[in-house]
């Protein structure tokens, strides 16, 4: 049976995009678009107006989409997803 050593730090699965997702959600929650009364999160997610949505949020959205695509890429199944680190 495989024993887990308590003194060795264990590597987390790198095929997760949770960090980018949480950063993206936090970024969109601080935008002018999201703070309006009738705007939903999805409306702001698809809004490309730089006056209402920060450019960093759009970059994080595209990085999250690429991270999700990399999960399905066979080359990254063994090596790990470079965008999730």
PDB file of N, CA and C in Angstrom:
ATOM      1  N   UNK A   1       0.835  -1.176   0.000  1.00  0.00           N
ATOM      2  CA  UNK A   1       0.000   0.000   0.000  1.00  0.00           C
ATOM      3  C   UNK A   1       0.886   1.248   0.000  1.00  0.00           C
ATOM      4  N   UNK A   2       0.423   2.293  -0.665  1.00  0.00           N
ATOM      5  CA  UNK A   2       1.176   3.534  -0.777  1.00  0.00           C
ATOM      6  C   UNK A   2       0.992   4.365   0.485  1.00  0.00           C
ATOM      7  N   UNK A   3       2.100   4.715   1.101  1.00  0.00           N
ATOM      8  CA  UNK A   3       2.039   5.515   2.316  1.00  0.00           C
ATOM      9  C   UNK A   3       2.253   6.988   1.989  1.00  0.00           C
ATOM     10  N   UNK A   4       1.510   7.851   2.634  1.00  0.00           N
ATOM     11  CA  UNK A   4       1.645   9.290   2.458  1.00  0.00           C
ATOM     12  C   UNK A   4       2.484   9.829   3.605  1.00  0.00           C
ATOM     13  N   UNK A   5       3.585  10.476   3.260  1.00  0.00           N
ATOM     14  CA  UNK A   5       4.460  11.038   4.284  1.00  0.00           C
ATOM     15  C   UNK A   5       3.906  12.383   4.728  1.00  0.00           C
ATOM     16  N   UNK A   6       3.848  12.597   6.025  1.00  0.00           N
ATOM     17  CA  UNK A   6       3.287  13.842   6.552  1.00  0.00           C
ATOM     18  C   UNK A   6       4.253  15.013   6.431  1.00  0.00           C
ATOM     19  N   UNK A   7       5.554  14.748   6.329  1.00  0.00           N
ATOM     20  CA  UNK A   7       6.524  15.835   6.257  1.00  0.00           C
ATOM     21  C   UNK A   7       6.781  16.320   4.826  1.00  0.00           C
ATOM     22  N   UNK A   8       6.249  15.630   3.835  1.00  0.00           N
ATOM     23  CA  UNK A   8       6.456  16.006   2.441  1.00  0.00           C
ATOM     24  C   UNK A   8       5.270  16.816   1.935  1.00  0.00           C
ATOM     25  N   UNK A   9       5.537  18.012   1.388  1.00  0.00           N
ATOM     26  CA  UNK A   9       4.414  18.779   0.815  1.00  0.00           C
ATOM     27  C   UNK A   9       3.916  18.095  -0.453  1.00  0.00           C
ATOM     28  N   UNK A  10       2.624  17.964  -0.565  1.00  0.00           N
ATOM     29  CA  UNK A  10       2.049  17.279  -1.715  1.00  0.00           C
ATOM     30  C   UNK A  10       1.613  18.284  -2.756  1.00  0.00           C
ATOM     31  N   UNK A  11       1.854  17.940  -3.974  1.00  0.00           N
ATOM     32  CA  UNK A  11       1.519  18.811  -5.095  1.00  0.00           C
ATOM     33  C   UNK A  11       0.021  18.748  -5.356  1.00  0.00           C
ATOM     34  N   UNK A  12      -0.581  19.917  -5.520  1.00  0.00           N
ATOM     35  CA  UNK A  12      -1.994  19.967  -5.856  1.00  0.00           C
ATOM     36  C   UNK A  12      -2.152  19.688  -7.337  1.00  0.00           C
ATOM     37  N   UNK A  13      -3.317  19.230  -7.730  1.00  0.00           N
ATOM     38  CA  UNK A  13      -3.583  18.969  -9.140  1.00  0.00           C
ATOM     39  C   UNK A  13      -3.474  20.272  -9.923  1.00  0.00           C
ATOM     40  N   UNK A  14      -2.678  20.249 -10.981  1.00  0.00           N
ATOM     41  CA  UNK A  14      -2.468  21.465 -11.756  1.00  0.00           C
ATOM     42  C   UNK A  14      -3.481  21.598 -12.884  1.00  0.00           C
ATOM     43  N   UNK A  15      -4.392  20.658 -12.995  1.00  0.00           N
ATOM     44  CA  UNK A  15      -5.386  20.722 -14.053  1.00  0.00           C
ATOM     45  C   UNK A  15      -6.663  21.386 -13.571  1.00  0.00           C
ATOM     46  N   UNK A  16      -6.532  22.378 -12.749  1.00  0.00           N
ATOM     47  CA  UNK A  16      -7.685  23.100 -12.246  1.00  0.00           C
ATOM     48  C   UNK A  16      -7.534  24.574 -12.587  1.00  0.00           C
ATOM     49  N   UNK A  17      -8.638  25.193 -12.955  1.00  0.00           N
ATOM     50  CA  UNK A  17      -8.630  26.617 -13.322  1.00  0.00           C
ATOM     51  C   UNK A  17      -9.308  27.453 -12.242  1.00  0.00           C
ATOM     52  N   UNK A  18      -9.381  26.932 -11.018  1.00  0.00           N
ATOM     53  CA  UNK A  18     -10.105  27.620  -9.946  1.00  0.00           C
ATOM     54  C   UNK A  18      -9.495  28.967  -9.582  1.00  0.00           C
ATOM     55  N   UNK A  19      -8.176  29.070  -9.605  1.00  0.00           N
ATOM     56  CA  UNK A  19      -7.513  30.331  -9.250  1.00  0.00           C
ATOM     57  C   UNK A  19      -7.865  31.430 -10.244  1.00  0.00           C
ATOM     58  N   UNK A  20      -7.792  31.114 -11.532  1.00  0.00           N
ATOM     59  CA  UNK A  20      -8.134  32.108 -12.553  1.00  0.00           C
ATOM     60  C   UNK A  20      -9.608  32.466 -12.456  1.00  0.00           C
ATOM     61  N   UNK A  21     -10.461  31.474 -12.206  1.00  0.00           N
ATOM     62  CA  UNK A  21     -11.898  31.723 -12.096  1.00  0.00           C
ATOM     63  C   UNK A  21     -12.205  32.648 -10.925  1.00  0.00           C
ATOM     64  N   UNK A  22     -11.596  32.399  -9.778  1.00  0.00           N
ATOM     65  CA  UNK A  22     -11.872  33.250  -8.615  1.00  0.00           C
ATOM     66  C   UNK A  22     -11.347  34.673  -8.829  1.00  0.00           C
ATOM     67  N   UNK A  23     -10.190  34.804  -9.481  1.00  0.00           N
ATOM     68  CA  UNK A  23      -9.658  36.137  -9.797  1.00  0.00           C
ATOM     69  C   UNK A  23     -10.559  36.867 -10.779  1.00  0.00           C
ATOM     70  N   UNK A  24     -11.080  36.136 -11.769  1.00  0.00           N
ATOM     71  CA  UNK A  24     -11.953  36.735 -12.770  1.00  0.00           C
ATOM     72  C   UNK A  24     -13.261  37.206 -12.135  1.00  0.00           C
ATOM     73  N   UNK A  25     -13.845  36.402 -11.272  1.00  0.00           N
ATOM     74  CA  UNK A  25     -15.101  36.776 -10.613  1.00  0.00           C
ATOM     75  C   UNK A  25     -14.893  38.007  -9.736  1.00  0.00           C
ATOM     76  N   UNK A  26     -13.795  38.022  -8.986  1.00  0.00           N
ATOM     77  CA  UNK A  26     -13.508  39.187  -8.136  1.00  0.00           C
ATOM     78  C   UNK A  26     -13.296  40.440  -8.971  1.00  0.00           C
ATOM     79  N   UNK A  27     -12.655  40.297 -10.106  1.00  0.00           N
ATOM     80  CA  UNK A  27     -12.411  41.442 -10.983  1.00  0.00           C
ATOM     81  C   UNK A  27     -13.726  41.986 -11.534  1.00  0.00           C
ATOM     82  N   UNK A  28     -14.589  41.098 -12.000  1.00  0.00           N
ATOM     83  CA  UNK A  28     -15.866  41.542 -12.564  1.00  0.00           C
ATOM     84  C   UNK A  28     -16.787  42.135 -11.496  1.00  0.00           C
ATOM     85  N   UNK A  29     -16.680  41.687 -10.265  1.00  0.00           N
ATOM     86  CA  UNK A  29     -17.524  42.236  -9.208  1.00  0.00           C
ATOM     87  C   UNK A  29     -17.139  43.666  -8.849  1.00  0.00           C
ATOM     88  N   UNK A  30     -15.954  44.099  -9.243  1.00  0.00           N
ATOM     89  CA  UNK A  30     -15.508  45.467  -8.970  1.00  0.00           C
ATOM     90  C   UNK A  30     -15.692  46.399 -10.159  1.00  0.00           C
ATOM     91  N   UNK A  31     -16.369  45.945 -11.213  1.00  0.00           N
ATOM     92  CA  UNK A  31     -16.543  46.781 -12.403  1.00  0.00           C
ATOM     93  C   UNK A  31     -17.786  47.652 -12.282  1.00  0.00           C
ATOM     94  N   UNK A  32     -17.808  48.706 -13.094  1.00  0.00           N
ATOM     95  CA  UNK A  32     -18.969  49.603 -13.145  1.00  0.00           C
ATOM     96  C   UNK A  32     -20.184  48.847 -13.664  1.00  0.00           C
ATOM     97  N   UNK A  33     -19.960  47.968 -14.622  1.00  0.00           N
ATOM     98  CA  UNK A  33     -21.057  47.203 -15.214  1.00  0.00           C
ATOM     99  C   UNK A  33     -21.792  46.384 -14.151  1.00  0.00           C
ATOM    100  N   UNK A  34     -21.050  45.703 -13.291  1.00  0.00           N
ATOM    101  CA  UNK A  34     -21.663  44.831 -12.289  1.00  0.00           C
ATOM    102  C   UNK A  34     -22.347  45.629 -11.187  1.00  0.00           C
ATOM    103  N   UNK A  35     -21.859  46.822 -10.913  1.00  0.00           N
ATOM    104  CA  UNK A  35     -22.416  47.625  -9.830  1.00  0.00           C
ATOM    105  C   UNK A  35     -23.711  48.332 -10.221  1.00  0.00           C
ATOM    106  N   UNK A  36     -24.035  48.338 -11.517  1.00  0.00           N
ATOM    107  CA  UNK A  36     -25.337  48.884 -11.916  1.00  0.00           C
ATOM    108  C   UNK A  36     -26.438  47.992 -11.356  1.00  0.00           C
ATOM    109  N   UNK A  37     -27.615  48.537 -11.181  1.00  0.00           N
ATOM    110  CA  UNK A  37     -28.695  47.784 -10.529  1.00  0.00           C
ATOM    111  C   UNK A  37     -29.197  46.598 -11.347  1.00  0.00           C
ATOM    112  N   UNK A  38     -29.429  46.784 -12.636  1.00  0.00           N
ATOM    113  CA  UNK A  38     -30.097  45.746 -13.421  1.00  0.00           C
ATOM    114  C   UNK A  38     -29.145  44.851 -14.202  1.00  0.00           C
ATOM    115  N   UNK A  39     -27.861  44.999 -14.050  1.00  0.00           N
ATOM    116  CA  UNK A  39     -26.906  44.194 -14.810  1.00  0.00           C
ATOM    117  C   UNK A  39     -26.622  42.883 -14.081  1.00  0.00           C
ATOM    118  N   UNK A  40     -26.710  41.789 -14.812  1.00  0.00           N
ATOM    119  CA  UNK A  40     -26.358  40.488 -14.244  1.00  0.00           C
ATOM    120  C   UNK A  40     -24.881  40.219 -14.500  1.00  0.00           C
ATOM    121  N   UNK A  41     -24.369  39.202 -13.838  1.00  0.00           N
ATOM    122  CA  UNK A  41     -22.962  38.853 -14.022  1.00  0.00           C
ATOM    123  C   UNK A  41     -22.700  38.426 -15.459  1.00  0.00           C
ATOM    124  N   UNK A  42     -23.619  37.673 -16.048  1.00  0.00           N
ATOM    125  CA  UNK A  42     -23.437  37.203 -17.425  1.00  0.00           C
ATOM    126  C   UNK A  42     -23.440  38.349 -18.422  1.00  0.00           C
ATOM    127  N   UNK A  43     -24.258  39.364 -18.179  1.00  0.00           N
ATOM    128  CA  UNK A  43     -24.262  40.526 -19.070  1.00  0.00           C
ATOM    129  C   UNK A  43     -22.918  41.244 -19.018  1.00  0.00           C
ATOM    130  N   UNK A  44     -22.373  41.365 -17.841  1.00  0.00           N
ATOM    131  CA  UNK A  44     -21.072  42.019 -17.705  1.00  0.00           C
ATOM    132  C   UNK A  44     -19.952  41.149 -18.280  1.00  0.00           C
ATOM    133  N   UNK A  45     -20.123  39.844 -18.194  1.00  0.00           N
ATOM    134  CA  UNK A  45     -19.123  38.924 -18.723  1.00  0.00           C
ATOM    135  C   UNK A  45     -18.991  39.066 -20.235  1.00  0.00           C
ATOM    136  N   UNK A  46     -20.087  39.357 -20.911  1.00  0.00           N
ATOM    137  CA  UNK A  46     -20.078  39.494 -22.371  1.00  0.00           C
ATOM    138  C   UNK A  46     -19.978  40.943 -22.819  1.00  0.00           C
ATOM    139  N   UNK A  47     -19.823  41.859 -21.884  1.00  0.00           N
ATOM    140  CA  UNK A  47     -19.692  43.274 -22.206  1.00  0.00           C
ATOM    141  C   UNK A  47     -18.223  43.573 -22.523  1.00  0.00           C
ATOM    142  N   UNK A  48     -17.966  44.168 -23.688  1.00  0.00           N
ATOM    143  CA  UNK A  48     -16.590  44.482 -24.087  1.00  0.00           C
ATOM    144  C   UNK A  48     -16.307  45.979 -24.042  1.00  0.00           C
ATOM    145  N   UNK A  49     -17.198  46.744 -23.439  1.00  0.00           N
ATOM    146  CA  UNK A  49     -17.026  48.191 -23.343  1.00  0.00           C
ATOM    147  C   UNK A  49     -15.994  48.498 -22.258  1.00  0.00           C
ATOM    148  N   UNK A  50     -14.856  49.072 -22.660  1.00  0.00           N
ATOM    149  CA  UNK A  50     -13.776  49.335 -21.704  1.00  0.00           C
ATOM    150  C   UNK A  50     -14.112  50.447 -20.725  1.00  0.00           C
ATOM    151  N   UNK A  51     -15.187  51.189 -20.976  1.00  0.00           N
ATOM    152  CA  UNK A  51     -15.622  52.206 -20.015  1.00  0.00           C
ATOM    153  C   UNK A  51     -16.347  51.573 -18.834  1.00  0.00           C
ATOM    154  N   UNK A  52     -16.897  50.385 -19.027  1.00  0.00           N
ATOM    155  CA  UNK A  52     -17.649  49.709 -17.959  1.00  0.00           C
ATOM    156  C   UNK A  52     -16.926  48.502 -17.380  1.00  0.00           C
ATOM    157  N   UNK A  53     -16.063  47.876 -18.169  1.00  0.00           N
ATOM    158  CA  UNK A  53     -15.361  46.667 -17.737  1.00  0.00           C
ATOM    159  C   UNK A  53     -13.862  46.909 -17.868  1.00  0.00           C
ATOM    160  N   UNK A  54     -13.124  46.567 -16.824  1.00  0.00           N
ATOM    161  CA  UNK A  54     -11.676  46.753 -16.827  1.00  0.00           C
ATOM    162  C   UNK A  54     -11.019  45.801 -17.835  1.00  0.00           C
ATOM    163  N   UNK A  55      -9.959  46.256 -18.455  1.00  0.00           N
ATOM    164  CA  UNK A  55      -9.256  45.439 -19.449  1.00  0.00           C
ATOM    165  C   UNK A  55      -8.687  44.169 -18.815  1.00  0.00           C
ATOM    166  N   UNK A  56      -8.262  44.247 -17.561  1.00  0.00           N
ATOM    167  CA  UNK A  56      -7.733  43.067 -16.867  1.00  0.00           C
ATOM    168  C   UNK A  56      -8.792  41.982 -16.714  1.00  0.00           C
ATOM    169  N   UNK A  57     -10.045  42.375 -16.551  1.00  0.00           N
ATOM    170  CA  UNK A  57     -11.126  41.398 -16.435  1.00  0.00           C
ATOM    171  C   UNK A  57     -11.308  40.644 -17.747  1.00  0.00           C
ATOM    172  N   UNK A  58     -11.213  41.365 -18.847  1.00  0.00           N
ATOM    173  CA  UNK A  58     -11.350  40.728 -20.159  1.00  0.00           C
ATOM    174  C   UNK A  58     -10.180  39.774 -20.401  1.00  0.00           C
ATOM    175  N   UNK A  59      -8.984  40.178 -19.990  1.00  0.00           N
ATOM    176  CA  UNK A  59      -7.812  39.313 -20.132  1.00  0.00           C
ATOM    177  C   UNK A  59      -7.977  38.057 -19.276  1.00  0.00           C
ATOM    178  N   UNK A  60      -8.484  38.209 -18.050  1.00  0.00           N
ATOM    179  CA  UNK A  60      -8.719  37.044 -17.187  1.00  0.00           C
ATOM    180  C   UNK A  60      -9.782  36.123 -17.765  1.00  0.00           C
ATOM    181  N   UNK A  61     -10.814  36.689 -18.392  1.00  0.00           N
ATOM    182  CA  UNK A  61     -11.858  35.866 -19.015  1.00  0.00           C
ATOM    183  C   UNK A  61     -11.274  35.031 -20.144  1.00  0.00           C
ATOM    184  N   UNK A  62     -10.416  35.641 -20.960  1.00  0.00           N
ATOM    185  CA  UNK A  62      -9.787  34.908 -22.063  1.00  0.00           C
ATOM    186  C   UNK A  62      -8.796  33.869 -21.539  1.00  0.00           C
ATOM    187  N   UNK A  63      -8.089  34.184 -20.460  1.00  0.00           N
ATOM    188  CA  UNK A  63      -7.160  33.226 -19.860  1.00  0.00           C
ATOM    189  C   UNK A  63      -7.914  32.042 -19.267  1.00  0.00           C
ATOM    190  N   UNK A  64      -9.079  32.307 -18.671  1.00  0.00           N
ATOM    191  CA  UNK A  64      -9.891  31.220 -18.118  1.00  0.00           C
ATOM    192  C   UNK A  64     -10.396  30.310 -19.235  1.00  0.00           C
ATOM    193  N   UNK A  65     -10.828  30.903 -20.348  1.00  0.00           N
ATOM    194  CA  UNK A  65     -11.297  30.100 -21.481  1.00  0.00           C
ATOM    195  C   UNK A  65     -10.165  29.236 -22.030  1.00  0.00           C
ATOM    196  N   UNK A  66      -8.963  29.800 -22.121  1.00  0.00           N
ATOM    197  CA  UNK A  66      -7.824  29.026 -22.619  1.00  0.00           C
ATOM    198  C   UNK A  66      -7.437  27.929 -21.630  1.00  0.00           C
ATOM    199  N   UNK A  67      -7.532  28.209 -20.361  1.00  0.00           N
ATOM    200  CA  UNK A  67      -7.245  27.200 -19.338  1.00  0.00           C
ATOM    201  C   UNK A  67      -8.211  26.030 -19.452  1.00  0.00           C
ATOM    202  N   UNK A  68      -9.487  26.323 -19.656  1.00  0.00           N
ATOM    203  CA  UNK A  68     -10.488  25.258 -19.809  1.00  0.00           C
ATOM    204  C   UNK A  68     -10.227  24.433 -21.074  1.00  0.00           C
ATOM    205  N   UNK A  69      -9.792  25.091 -22.148  1.00  0.00           N
ATOM    206  CA  UNK A  69      -9.458  24.357 -23.377  1.00  0.00           C
ATOM    207  C   UNK A  69      -8.238  23.469 -23.159  1.00  0.00           C
ATOM    208  N   UNK A  70      -7.271  23.948 -22.381  1.00  0.00           N
ATOM    209  CA  UNK A  70      -6.064  23.162 -22.125  1.00  0.00           C
ATOM    210  C   UNK A  70      -6.354  21.908 -21.317  1.00  0.00           C
ATOM    211  N   UNK A  71      -7.406  21.922 -20.508  1.00  0.00           N
ATOM    212  CA  UNK A  71      -7.766  20.728 -19.742  1.00  0.00           C
ATOM    213  C   UNK A  71      -8.133  19.590 -20.690  1.00  0.00           C
ATOM    214  N   UNK A  72      -8.777  19.925 -21.802  1.00  0.00           N
ATOM    215  CA  UNK A  72      -9.176  18.915 -22.778  1.00  0.00           C
ATOM    216  C   UNK A  72      -8.036  18.511 -23.707  1.00  0.00           C
ATOM    217  N   UNK A  73      -6.957  19.274 -23.718  1.00  0.00           N
ATOM    218  CA  UNK A  73      -5.821  18.994 -24.582  1.00  0.00           C
ATOM    219  C   UNK A  73      -5.039  17.809 -24.020  1.00  0.00           C
ATOM    220  N   UNK A  74      -4.841  16.796 -24.832  1.00  0.00           N
ATOM    221  CA  UNK A  74      -4.153  15.582 -24.391  1.00  0.00           C
ATOM    222  C   UNK A  74      -2.714  15.798 -23.990  1.00  0.00           C
ATOM    223  N   UNK A  75      -2.059  16.807 -24.549  1.00  0.00           N
ATOM    224  CA  UNK A  75      -0.654  17.057 -24.211  1.00  0.00           C
ATOM    225  C   UNK A  75      -0.483  17.485 -22.760  1.00  0.00           C
ATOM    226  N   UNK A  76      -1.497  18.101 -22.188  1.00  0.00           N
ATOM    227  CA  UNK A  76      -1.382  18.620 -20.831  1.00  0.00           C
ATOM    228  C   UNK A  76      -1.908  17.649 -19.774  1.00  0.00           C
ATOM    229  N   UNK A  77      -2.415  16.500 -20.182  1.00  0.00           N
ATOM    230  CA  UNK A  77      -2.958  15.561 -19.190  1.00  0.00           C
ATOM    231  C   UNK A  77      -1.864  14.997 -18.293  1.00  0.00           C
ATOM    232  N   UNK A  78      -0.703  14.737 -18.852  1.00  0.00           N
ATOM    233  CA  UNK A  78       0.390  14.194 -18.051  1.00  0.00           C
ATOM    234  C   UNK A  78       1.306  15.293 -17.509  1.00  0.00           C
ATOM    235  N   UNK A  79       1.495  16.352 -18.284  1.00  0.00           N
ATOM    236  CA  UNK A  79       2.429  17.404 -17.884  1.00  0.00           C
ATOM    237  C   UNK A  79       1.813  18.427 -16.950  1.00  0.00           C
ATOM    238  N   UNK A  80       0.503  18.558 -16.987  1.00  0.00           N
ATOM    239  CA  UNK A  80      -0.173  19.572 -16.188  1.00  0.00           C
ATOM    240  C   UNK A  80      -0.477  20.794 -17.027  1.00  0.00           C
ATOM    241  N   UNK A  81      -1.471  21.509 -16.626  1.00  0.00           N
ATOM    242  CA  UNK A  81      -1.931  22.686 -17.349  1.00  0.00           C
ATOM    243  C   UNK A  81      -1.075  23.880 -16.946  1.00  0.00           C
ATOM    244  N   UNK A  82      -0.319  24.494 -17.866  1.00  0.00           N
ATOM    245  CA  UNK A  82       0.562  25.598 -17.477  1.00  0.00           C
ATOM    246  C   UNK A  82      -0.196  26.841 -17.020  1.00  0.00           C
ATOM    247  N   UNK A  83      -1.437  27.016 -17.455  1.00  0.00           N
ATOM    248  CA  UNK A  83      -2.196  28.194 -17.056  1.00  0.00           C
ATOM    249  C   UNK A  83      -2.802  28.069 -15.664  1.00  0.00           C
ATOM    250  N   UNK A  84      -2.813  26.885 -15.100  1.00  0.00           N
ATOM    251  CA  UNK A  84      -3.436  26.705 -13.790  1.00  0.00           C
ATOM    252  C   UNK A  84      -2.426  26.806 -12.650  1.00  0.00           C
ATOM    253  N   UNK A  85      -1.207  27.111 -12.938  1.00  0.00           N
ATOM    254  CA  UNK A  85      -0.177  27.196 -11.892  1.00  0.00           C
ATOM    255  C   UNK A  85      -0.127  28.547 -11.274  1.00  0.00           C
TER     256      UNK A  85
END
